[in-house]
Full PDB file with SEQRES, HELIX, SHEET, SSBOND, CRYST1, ORIGX, SCALE, CONECT and MASTER records, all heavy atoms in Angstrom:
SEQRES   1 A   33  GLY GLU ASN VAL TYR ALA LEU SER ALA ALA ARG ARG ALA          
SEQRES   2 A   33  GLN LEU ARG GLY ARG GLU LEU GLY PHE MET PHE GLN PHE          
SEQRES   3 A   33  HIS GLY LEU HIS PRO ASN LEU                                  
HELIX    1 AA1 VAL A    4  ALA A    6  5                                   3    
HELIX    2 AA2 ALA A    9  GLU A   19  1                                  11    
CRYST1    1.000    1.000    1.000  90.00  90.00  90.00 P 1           1          
ORIGX1      1.000000  0.000000  0.000000        0.00000                         
ORIGX2      0.000000  1.000000  0.000000        0.00000                         
ORIGX3      0.000000  0.000000  1.000000        0.00000                         
SCALE1      1.000000  0.000000  0.000000        0.00000                         
SCALE2      0.000000  1.000000  0.000000        0.00000                         
SCALE3      0.000000  0.000000  1.000000        0.00000                         
ATOM      1  N   GLY A   1      -8.357  12.501  -2.594  1.00  0.00           N  
ATOM      2  CA  GLY A   1      -9.075  13.469  -1.774  1.00  0.00           C  
ATOM      3  C   GLY A   1      -8.845  13.330  -0.282  1.00  0.00           C  
ATOM      4  O   GLY A   1      -9.497  14.030   0.509  1.00  0.00           O  
ATOM      5  N   GLU A   2      -7.915  12.469   0.143  1.00  0.00           N  
ATOM      6  CA  GLU A   2      -7.654  12.275   1.575  1.00  0.00           C  
ATOM      7  C   GLU A   2      -6.207  12.607   1.898  1.00  0.00           C  
ATOM      8  O   GLU A   2      -5.288  12.303   1.123  1.00  0.00           O  
ATOM      9  CB  GLU A   2      -7.969  10.842   1.986  1.00  0.00           C  
ATOM     10  CG  GLU A   2      -9.432  10.450   1.795  1.00  0.00           C  
ATOM     11  CD  GLU A   2      -9.774   9.134   2.459  1.00  0.00           C  
ATOM     12  OE1 GLU A   2      -9.684   9.058   3.696  1.00  0.00           O  
ATOM     13  OE2 GLU A   2     -10.114   8.185   1.731  1.00  0.00           O  
ATOM     14  N   ASN A   3      -6.017  13.227   3.059  1.00  0.00           N  
ATOM     15  CA  ASN A   3      -4.691  13.574   3.550  1.00  0.00           C  
ATOM     16  C   ASN A   3      -4.071  12.315   4.154  1.00  0.00           C  
ATOM     17  O   ASN A   3      -4.421  11.896   5.253  1.00  0.00           O  
ATOM     18  CB  ASN A   3      -4.794  14.686   4.601  1.00  0.00           C  
ATOM     19  CG  ASN A   3      -3.431  15.202   5.031  1.00  0.00           C  
ATOM     20  OD1 ASN A   3      -2.400  14.627   4.711  1.00  0.00           O  
ATOM     21  ND2 ASN A   3      -3.429  16.299   5.770  1.00  0.00           N  
ATOM     22  N   VAL A   4      -3.152  11.691   3.416  1.00  0.00           N  
ATOM     23  CA  VAL A   4      -2.692  10.339   3.729  1.00  0.00           C  
ATOM     24  C   VAL A   4      -2.159  10.228   5.152  1.00  0.00           C  
ATOM     25  O   VAL A   4      -2.537   9.331   5.910  1.00  0.00           O  
ATOM     26  CB  VAL A   4      -1.614   9.904   2.721  1.00  0.00           C  
ATOM     27  CG1 VAL A   4      -0.992   8.570   3.131  1.00  0.00           C  
ATOM     28  CG2 VAL A   4      -2.209   9.802   1.325  1.00  0.00           C  
ATOM     29  N   TYR A   5      -1.278  11.126   5.550  1.00  0.00           N  
ATOM     30  CA  TYR A   5      -0.600  10.974   6.830  1.00  0.00           C  
ATOM     31  C   TYR A   5      -1.375  11.592   7.991  1.00  0.00           C  
ATOM     32  O   TYR A   5      -0.893  11.565   9.124  1.00  0.00           O  
ATOM     33  CB  TYR A   5       0.823  11.526   6.741  1.00  0.00           C  
ATOM     34  CG  TYR A   5       1.676  10.688   5.824  1.00  0.00           C  
ATOM     35  CD1 TYR A   5       1.951  11.100   4.521  1.00  0.00           C  
ATOM     36  CD2 TYR A   5       2.161   9.463   6.237  1.00  0.00           C  
ATOM     37  CE1 TYR A   5       2.716  10.315   3.665  1.00  0.00           C  
ATOM     38  CE2 TYR A   5       2.924   8.673   5.384  1.00  0.00           C  
ATOM     39  CZ  TYR A   5       3.198   9.103   4.112  1.00  0.00           C  
ATOM     40  OH  TYR A   5       3.950   8.312   3.270  1.00  0.00           O  
ATOM     41  N   ALA A   6      -2.571  12.085   7.722  1.00  0.00           N  
ATOM     42  CA  ALA A   6      -3.468  12.479   8.799  1.00  0.00           C  
ATOM     43  C   ALA A   6      -4.361  11.311   9.205  1.00  0.00           C  
ATOM     44  O   ALA A   6      -5.111  11.411  10.174  1.00  0.00           O  
ATOM     45  CB  ALA A   6      -4.327  13.670   8.368  1.00  0.00           C  
ATOM     46  N   LEU A   7      -4.271  10.203   8.467  1.00  0.00           N  
ATOM     47  CA  LEU A   7      -5.092   9.023   8.742  1.00  0.00           C  
ATOM     48  C   LEU A   7      -4.373   8.104   9.719  1.00  0.00           C  
ATOM     49  O   LEU A   7      -3.158   8.162   9.897  1.00  0.00           O  
ATOM     50  CB  LEU A   7      -5.359   8.268   7.437  1.00  0.00           C  
ATOM     51  CG  LEU A   7      -6.017   9.049   6.300  1.00  0.00           C  
ATOM     52  CD1 LEU A   7      -6.057   8.187   5.041  1.00  0.00           C  
ATOM     53  CD2 LEU A   7      -7.423   9.487   6.681  1.00  0.00           C  
ATOM     54  N   SER A   8      -5.138   7.225  10.349  1.00  0.00           N  
ATOM     55  CA  SER A   8      -4.531   6.184  11.174  1.00  0.00           C  
ATOM     56  C   SER A   8      -3.764   5.219  10.274  1.00  0.00           C  
ATOM     57  O   SER A   8      -3.986   5.167   9.058  1.00  0.00           O  
ATOM     58  CB  SER A   8      -5.602   5.421  11.949  1.00  0.00           C  
ATOM     59  OG  SER A   8      -6.418   4.670  11.058  1.00  0.00           O  
ATOM     60  N   ALA A   9      -2.878   4.444  10.876  1.00  0.00           N  
ATOM     61  CA  ALA A   9      -2.085   3.494  10.087  1.00  0.00           C  
ATOM     62  C   ALA A   9      -2.991   2.493   9.372  1.00  0.00           C  
ATOM     63  O   ALA A   9      -2.747   2.144   8.215  1.00  0.00           O  
ATOM     64  CB  ALA A   9      -1.091   2.767  10.995  1.00  0.00           C  
ATOM     65  N   ALA A  10      -4.038   2.041  10.057  1.00  0.00           N  
ATOM     66  CA  ALA A  10      -4.947   1.067   9.442  1.00  0.00           C  
ATOM     67  C   ALA A  10      -5.702   1.681   8.272  1.00  0.00           C  
ATOM     68  O   ALA A  10      -5.835   1.065   7.208  1.00  0.00           O  
ATOM     69  CB  ALA A  10      -5.921   0.533  10.491  1.00  0.00           C  
ATOM     70  N   ARG A  11      -6.186   2.910   8.443  1.00  0.00           N  
ATOM     71  CA  ARG A  11      -6.930   3.577   7.367  1.00  0.00           C  
ATOM     72  C   ARG A  11      -6.002   3.890   6.197  1.00  0.00           C  
ATOM     73  O   ARG A  11      -6.398   3.812   5.036  1.00  0.00           O  
ATOM     74  CB  ARG A  11      -7.560   4.865   7.912  1.00  0.00           C  
ATOM     75  CG  ARG A  11      -8.374   5.630   6.894  1.00  0.00           C  
ATOM     76  CD  ARG A  11      -9.659   4.910   6.549  1.00  0.00           C  
ATOM     77  NE  ARG A  11     -10.362   5.582   5.467  1.00  0.00           N  
ATOM     78  CZ  ARG A  11     -10.167   5.313   4.189  1.00  0.00           C  
ATOM     79  NH1 ARG A  11      -9.317   4.362   3.823  1.00  0.00           N  
ATOM     80  NH2 ARG A  11     -10.838   5.958   3.259  1.00  0.00           N  
ATOM     81  N   ARG A  12      -4.757   4.244   6.506  1.00  0.00           N  
ATOM     82  CA  ARG A  12      -3.785   4.538   5.455  1.00  0.00           C  
ATOM     83  C   ARG A  12      -3.505   3.285   4.626  1.00  0.00           C  
ATOM     84  O   ARG A  12      -3.397   3.351   3.403  1.00  0.00           O  
ATOM     85  CB  ARG A  12      -2.492   5.061   6.085  1.00  0.00           C  
ATOM     86  CG  ARG A  12      -1.481   5.577   5.087  1.00  0.00           C  
ATOM     87  CD  ARG A  12      -0.483   6.509   5.743  1.00  0.00           C  
ATOM     88  NE  ARG A  12       0.313   5.880   6.763  1.00  0.00           N  
ATOM     89  CZ  ARG A  12       0.301   6.192   8.045  1.00  0.00           C  
ATOM     90  NH1 ARG A  12      -0.506   7.144   8.489  1.00  0.00           N  
ATOM     91  NH2 ARG A  12       1.079   5.588   8.926  1.00  0.00           N  
ATOM     92  N   ALA A  13      -3.408   2.136   5.288  1.00  0.00           N  
ATOM     93  CA  ALA A  13      -3.183   0.883   4.565  1.00  0.00           C  
ATOM     94  C   ALA A  13      -4.364   0.564   3.657  1.00  0.00           C  
ATOM     95  O   ALA A  13      -4.185   0.093   2.527  1.00  0.00           O  
ATOM     96  CB  ALA A  13      -2.950  -0.251   5.559  1.00  0.00           C  
ATOM     97  N   GLN A  14      -5.581   0.819   4.119  1.00  0.00           N  
ATOM     98  CA  GLN A  14      -6.768   0.602   3.282  1.00  0.00           C  
ATOM     99  C   GLN A  14      -6.739   1.491   2.046  1.00  0.00           C  
ATOM    100  O   GLN A  14      -7.066   1.057   0.936  1.00  0.00           O  
ATOM    101  CB  GLN A  14      -8.035   0.871   4.091  1.00  0.00           C  
ATOM    102  CG  GLN A  14      -8.305  -0.145   5.180  1.00  0.00           C  
ATOM    103  CD  GLN A  14      -9.521   0.224   6.012  1.00  0.00           C  
ATOM    104  OE1 GLN A  14     -10.067   1.327   5.899  1.00  0.00           O  
ATOM    105  NE2 GLN A  14      -9.944  -0.692   6.863  1.00  0.00           N  
ATOM    106  N   LEU A  15      -6.344   2.748   2.240  1.00  0.00           N  
ATOM    107  CA  LEU A  15      -6.291   3.691   1.125  1.00  0.00           C  
ATOM    108  C   LEU A  15      -5.249   3.255   0.104  1.00  0.00           C  
ATOM    109  O   LEU A  15      -5.488   3.310  -1.105  1.00  0.00           O  
ATOM    110  CB  LEU A  15      -5.976   5.098   1.653  1.00  0.00           C  
ATOM    111  CG  LEU A  15      -5.973   6.230   0.617  1.00  0.00           C  
ATOM    112  CD1 LEU A  15      -7.365   6.433   0.040  1.00  0.00           C  
ATOM    113  CD2 LEU A  15      -5.462   7.528   1.251  1.00  0.00           C  
ATOM    114  N   ARG A  16      -4.091   2.808   0.578  1.00  0.00           N  
ATOM    115  CA  ARG A  16      -3.048   2.314  -0.338  1.00  0.00           C  
ATOM    116  C   ARG A  16      -3.571   1.150  -1.167  1.00  0.00           C  
ATOM    117  O   ARG A  16      -3.376   1.090  -2.383  1.00  0.00           O  
ATOM    118  CB  ARG A  16      -1.815   1.854   0.449  1.00  0.00           C  
ATOM    119  CG  ARG A  16      -0.939   2.936   0.989  1.00  0.00           C  
ATOM    120  CD  ARG A  16       0.446   2.417   1.310  1.00  0.00           C  
ATOM    121  NE  ARG A  16       0.397   1.273   2.217  1.00  0.00           N  
ATOM    122  CZ  ARG A  16       0.507   1.353   3.528  1.00  0.00           C  
ATOM    123  NH1 ARG A  16       0.668   2.534   4.105  1.00  0.00           N  
ATOM    124  NH2 ARG A  16       0.468   0.278   4.288  1.00  0.00           N  
ATOM    125  N   GLY A  17      -4.230   0.206  -0.487  1.00  0.00           N  
ATOM    126  CA  GLY A  17      -4.733  -0.961  -1.189  1.00  0.00           C  
ATOM    127  C   GLY A  17      -5.775  -0.620  -2.233  1.00  0.00           C  
ATOM    128  O   GLY A  17      -5.871  -1.282  -3.267  1.00  0.00           O  
ATOM    129  N   ARG A  18      -6.561   0.430  -1.966  1.00  0.00           N  
ATOM    130  CA  ARG A  18      -7.640   0.795  -2.880  1.00  0.00           C  
ATOM    131  C   ARG A  18      -7.140   1.621  -4.052  1.00  0.00           C  
ATOM    132  O   ARG A  18      -7.621   1.467  -5.183  1.00  0.00           O  
ATOM    133  CB  ARG A  18      -8.701   1.583  -2.111  1.00  0.00           C  
ATOM    134  CG  ARG A  18      -9.970   1.891  -2.903  1.00  0.00           C  
ATOM    135  CD  ARG A  18     -10.904   2.767  -2.098  1.00  0.00           C  
ATOM    136  NE  ARG A  18     -10.431   4.135  -2.030  1.00  0.00           N  
ATOM    137  CZ  ARG A  18     -10.566   4.917  -0.963  1.00  0.00           C  
ATOM    138  NH1 ARG A  18     -11.138   4.448   0.132  1.00  0.00           N  
ATOM    139  NH2 ARG A  18     -10.113   6.164  -0.974  1.00  0.00           N  
ATOM    140  N   GLU A  19      -6.193   2.508  -3.827  1.00  0.00           N  
ATOM    141  CA  GLU A  19      -5.827   3.510  -4.826  1.00  0.00           C  
ATOM    142  C   GLU A  19      -4.495   3.246  -5.528  1.00  0.00           C  
ATOM    143  O   GLU A  19      -4.267   3.785  -6.610  1.00  0.00           O  
ATOM    144  CB  GLU A  19      -5.754   4.896  -4.172  1.00  0.00           C  
ATOM    145  CG  GLU A  19      -7.022   5.338  -3.458  1.00  0.00           C  
ATOM    146  CD  GLU A  19      -8.128   5.732  -4.424  1.00  0.00           C  
ATOM    147  OE1 GLU A  19      -7.932   5.601  -5.646  1.00  0.00           O  
ATOM    148  OE2 GLU A  19      -9.197   6.163  -3.962  1.00  0.00           O  
ATOM    149  N   LEU A  20      -3.595   2.453  -4.934  1.00  0.00           N  
ATOM    150  CA  LEU A  20      -2.219   2.376  -5.432  1.00  0.00           C  
ATOM    151  C   LEU A  20      -1.848   0.969  -5.883  1.00  0.00           C  
ATOM    152  O   LEU A  20      -2.277  -0.028  -5.296  1.00  0.00           O  
ATOM    153  CB  LEU A  20      -1.231   2.808  -4.340  1.00  0.00           C  
ATOM    154  CG  LEU A  20      -1.322   4.245  -3.858  1.00  0.00           C  
ATOM    155  CD1 LEU A  20      -0.341   4.469  -2.707  1.00  0.00           C  
ATOM    156  CD2 LEU A  20      -1.044   5.225  -4.984  1.00  0.00           C  
ATOM    157  N   GLY A  21      -1.006   0.917  -6.929  1.00  0.00           N  
ATOM    158  CA  GLY A  21      -0.339  -0.307  -7.340  1.00  0.00           C  
ATOM    159  C   GLY A  21       1.156  -0.046  -7.310  1.00  0.00           C  
ATOM    160  O   GLY A  21       1.604   1.058  -7.659  1.00  0.00           O  
ATOM    161  N   PHE A  22       1.939  -1.021  -6.880  1.00  0.00           N  
ATOM    162  CA  PHE A  22       3.380  -0.833  -6.726  1.00  0.00           C  
ATOM    163  C   PHE A  22       4.150  -1.801  -7.612  1.00  0.00           C  
ATOM    164  O   PHE A  22       3.818  -2.985  -7.695  1.00  0.00           O  
ATOM    165  CB  PHE A  22       3.803  -1.076  -5.271  1.00  0.00           C  
ATOM    166  CG  PHE A  22       3.262  -0.060  -4.297  1.00  0.00           C  
ATOM    167  CD1 PHE A  22       2.055  -0.282  -3.653  1.00  0.00           C  
ATOM    168  CD2 PHE A  22       3.956   1.107  -4.025  1.00  0.00           C  
ATOM    169  CE1 PHE A  22       1.542   0.634  -2.757  1.00  0.00           C  
ATOM    170  CE2 PHE A  22       3.458   2.032  -3.125  1.00  0.00           C  
ATOM    171  CZ  PHE A  22       2.246   1.800  -2.494  1.00  0.00           C  
ATOM    172  N   MET A  23       5.199  -1.288  -8.263  1.00  0.00           N  
ATOM    173  CA  MET A  23       6.159  -2.116  -8.989  1.00  0.00           C  
ATOM    174  C   MET A  23       7.562  -1.687  -8.592  1.00  0.00           C  
ATOM    175  O   MET A  23       7.852  -0.499  -8.490  1.00  0.00           O  
ATOM    176  CB  MET A  23       5.994  -1.968 -10.496  1.00  0.00           C  
ATOM    177  CG  MET A  23       4.816  -2.731 -11.071  1.00  0.00           C  
ATOM    178  SD  MET A  23       5.042  -2.989 -12.845  1.00  0.00           S  
ATOM    179  CE  MET A  23       6.471  -4.085 -12.847  1.00  0.00           C  
ATOM    180  N   PHE A  24       8.419  -2.694  -8.376  1.00  0.00           N  
ATOM    181  CA  PHE A  24       9.783  -2.415  -7.962  1.00  0.00           C  
ATOM    182  C   PHE A  24      10.749  -3.139  -8.893  1.00  0.00           C  
ATOM    183  O   PHE A  24      10.350  -4.008  -9.670  1.00  0.00           O  
ATOM    184  CB  PHE A  24      10.004  -2.862  -6.514  1.00  0.00           C  
ATOM    185  CG  PHE A  24       9.037  -2.236  -5.548  1.00  0.00           C  
ATOM    186  CD1 PHE A  24       7.922  -2.932  -5.119  1.00  0.00           C  
ATOM    187  CD2 PHE A  24       9.224  -0.944  -5.107  1.00  0.00           C  
ATOM    188  CE1 PHE A  24       7.022  -2.361  -4.242  1.00  0.00           C  
ATOM    189  CE2 PHE A  24       8.329  -0.360  -4.229  1.00  0.00           C  
ATOM    190  CZ  PHE A  24       7.225  -1.072  -3.805  1.00  0.00           C  
ATOM    191  N   GLN A  25      12.031  -2.792  -8.781  1.00  0.00           N  
ATOM    192  CA  GLN A  25      13.021  -3.408  -9.657  1.00  0.00           C  
ATOM    193  C   GLN A  25      13.071  -4.912  -9.430  1.00  0.00           C  
ATOM    194  O   GLN A  25      13.174  -5.693 -10.368  1.00  0.00           O  
ATOM    195  CB  GLN A  25      14.406  -2.805  -9.423  1.00  0.00           C  
ATOM    196  CG  GLN A  25      15.465  -3.436 -10.311  1.00  0.00           C  
ATOM    197  CD  GLN A  25      16.795  -2.729 -10.225  1.00  0.00           C  
ATOM    198  OE1 GLN A  25      16.909  -1.733  -9.525  1.00  0.00           O  
ATOM    199  NE2 GLN A  25      17.784  -3.228 -10.906  1.00  0.00           N  
ATOM    200  N   PHE A  26      13.004  -5.332  -8.172  1.00  0.00           N  
ATOM    201  CA  PHE A  26      12.957  -6.745  -7.861  1.00  0.00           C  
ATOM    202  C   PHE A  26      11.510  -7.118  -7.611  1.00  0.00           C  
ATOM    203  O   PHE A  26      10.756  -6.366  -6.985  1.00  0.00           O  
ATOM    204  CB  PHE A  26      13.830  -7.051  -6.649  1.00  0.00           C  
ATOM    205  CG  PHE A  26      15.285  -6.750  -6.900  1.00  0.00           C  
ATOM    206  CD1 PHE A  26      15.866  -5.598  -6.396  1.00  0.00           C  
ATOM    207  CD2 PHE A  26      16.065  -7.590  -7.675  1.00  0.00           C  
ATOM    208  CE1 PHE A  26      17.197  -5.308  -6.635  1.00  0.00           C  
ATOM    209  CE2 PHE A  26      17.392  -7.310  -7.924  1.00  0.00           C  
ATOM    210  CZ  PHE A  26      17.963  -6.170  -7.407  1.00  0.00           C  
ATOM    211  N   HIS A  27      11.126  -8.291  -8.094  1.00  0.00           N  
ATOM    212  CA  HIS A  27       9.711  -8.667  -8.088  1.00  0.00           C  
ATOM    213  C   HIS A  27       9.110  -8.701  -6.691  1.00  0.00           C  
ATOM    214  O   HIS A  27       7.938  -8.413  -6.501  1.00  0.00           O  
ATOM    215  CB  HIS A  27       9.546 -10.021  -8.760  1.00  0.00           C  
ATOM    216  CG  HIS A  27      10.477 -11.077  -8.238  1.00  0.00           C  
ATOM    217  ND1 HIS A  27      10.314 -11.682  -7.020  1.00  0.00           N  
ATOM    218  CD2 HIS A  27      11.597 -11.611  -8.788  1.00  0.00           C  
ATOM    219  CE1 HIS A  27      11.277 -12.573  -6.832  1.00  0.00           C  
ATOM    220  NE2 HIS A  27      12.081 -12.547  -7.889  1.00  0.00           N  
ATOM    221  N   GLY A  28       9.884  -9.071  -5.660  1.00  0.00           N  
ATOM    222  CA  GLY A  28       9.391  -9.040  -4.296  1.00  0.00           C  
ATOM    223  C   GLY A  28       8.254 -10.012  -4.026  1.00  0.00           C  
ATOM    224  O   GLY A  28       7.402  -9.742  -3.178  1.00  0.00           O  
ATOM    225  N   LEU A  29       8.227 -11.142  -4.714  1.00  0.00           N  
ATOM    226  CA  LEU A  29       7.178 -12.131  -4.475  1.00  0.00           C  
ATOM    227  C   LEU A  29       7.432 -12.850  -3.152  1.00  0.00           C  
ATOM    228  O   LEU A  29       8.580 -13.096  -2.768  1.00  0.00           O  
ATOM    229  CB  LEU A  29       7.135 -13.152  -5.609  1.00  0.00           C  
ATOM    230  CG  LEU A  29       6.897 -12.609  -7.020  1.00  0.00           C  
ATOM    231  CD1 LEU A  29       6.832 -13.758  -8.018  1.00  0.00           C  
ATOM    232  CD2 LEU A  29       5.629 -11.772  -7.080  1.00  0.00           C  
ATOM    233  N   HIS A  30       6.349 -13.189  -2.456  1.00  0.00           N  
ATOM    234  CA  HIS A  30       6.479 -13.914  -1.205  1.00  0.00           C  
ATOM    235  C   HIS A  30       6.919 -15.346  -1.510  1.00  0.00           C  
ATOM    236  O   HIS A  30       6.241 -16.057  -2.259  1.00  0.00           O  
ATOM    237  CB  HIS A  30       5.147 -13.918  -0.455  1.00  0.00           C  
ATOM    238  CG  HIS A  30       5.276 -14.325   0.984  1.00  0.00           C  
ATOM    239  ND1 HIS A  30       5.589 -15.608   1.364  1.00  0.00           N  
ATOM    240  CD2 HIS A  30       5.151 -13.621   2.138  1.00  0.00           C  
ATOM    241  CE1 HIS A  30       5.644 -15.682   2.680  1.00  0.00           C  
ATOM    242  NE2 HIS A  30       5.390 -14.492   3.171  1.00  0.00           N  
ATOM    243  N   PRO A  31       8.027 -15.815  -0.932  1.00  0.00           N  
ATOM    244  CA  PRO A  31       8.579 -17.119  -1.342  1.00  0.00           C  
ATOM    245  C   PRO A  31       7.690 -18.304  -0.991  1.00  0.00           C  
ATOM    246  O   PRO A  31       7.840 -19.379  -1.587  1.00  0.00           O  
ATOM    247  CB  PRO A  31       9.916 -17.186  -0.593  1.00  0.00           C  
ATOM    248  CG  PRO A  31       9.753 -16.257   0.571  1.00  0.00           C  
ATOM    249  CD  PRO A  31       8.868 -15.151   0.078  1.00  0.00           C  
ATOM    250  N   ASN A  32       6.791 -18.146  -0.021  1.00  0.00           N  
ATOM    251  CA  ASN A  32       5.961 -19.269   0.413  1.00  0.00           C  
ATOM    252  C   ASN A  32       4.552 -19.242  -0.173  1.00  0.00           C  
ATOM    253  O   ASN A  32       3.702 -20.038   0.234  1.00  0.00           O  
ATOM    254  CB  ASN A  32       5.877 -19.296   1.939  1.00  0.00           C  
ATOM    255  CG  ASN A  32       7.232 -19.520   2.576  1.00  0.00           C  
ATOM    256  OD1 ASN A  32       8.040 -20.291   2.079  1.00  0.00           O  
ATOM    257  ND2 ASN A  32       7.498 -18.819   3.667  1.00  0.00           N  
ATOM    258  N   LEU A  33       4.300 -18.316  -1.106  1.00  0.00           N  
ATOM    259  CA  LEU A  33       3.000 -18.237  -1.756  1.00  0.00           C  
ATOM    260  C   LEU A  33       3.128 -18.641  -3.218  1.00  0.00           C  
ATOM    261  O   LEU A  33       4.148 -18.387  -3.857  1.00  0.00           O  
ATOM    262  CB  LEU A  33       2.431 -16.818  -1.670  1.00  0.00           C  
ATOM    263  CG  LEU A  33       2.096 -16.286  -0.276  1.00  0.00           C  
ATOM    264  CD1 LEU A  33       1.520 -14.870  -0.376  1.00  0.00           C  
ATOM    265  CD2 LEU A  33       1.121 -17.189   0.455  1.00  0.00           C  
TER     266      LEU A  33                                                      
MASTER        0    0    0    2    0    0    0    6  265    1    0    3          
END                                                                             
């Protein structure tokens, strides 16, 4: 219900974290975690 690119960068990041899950071909794990 929100226009993603009308939001600030910080608000857009919050929306991504709340609504989206990402999977890619390469696992992309942080090497130091």
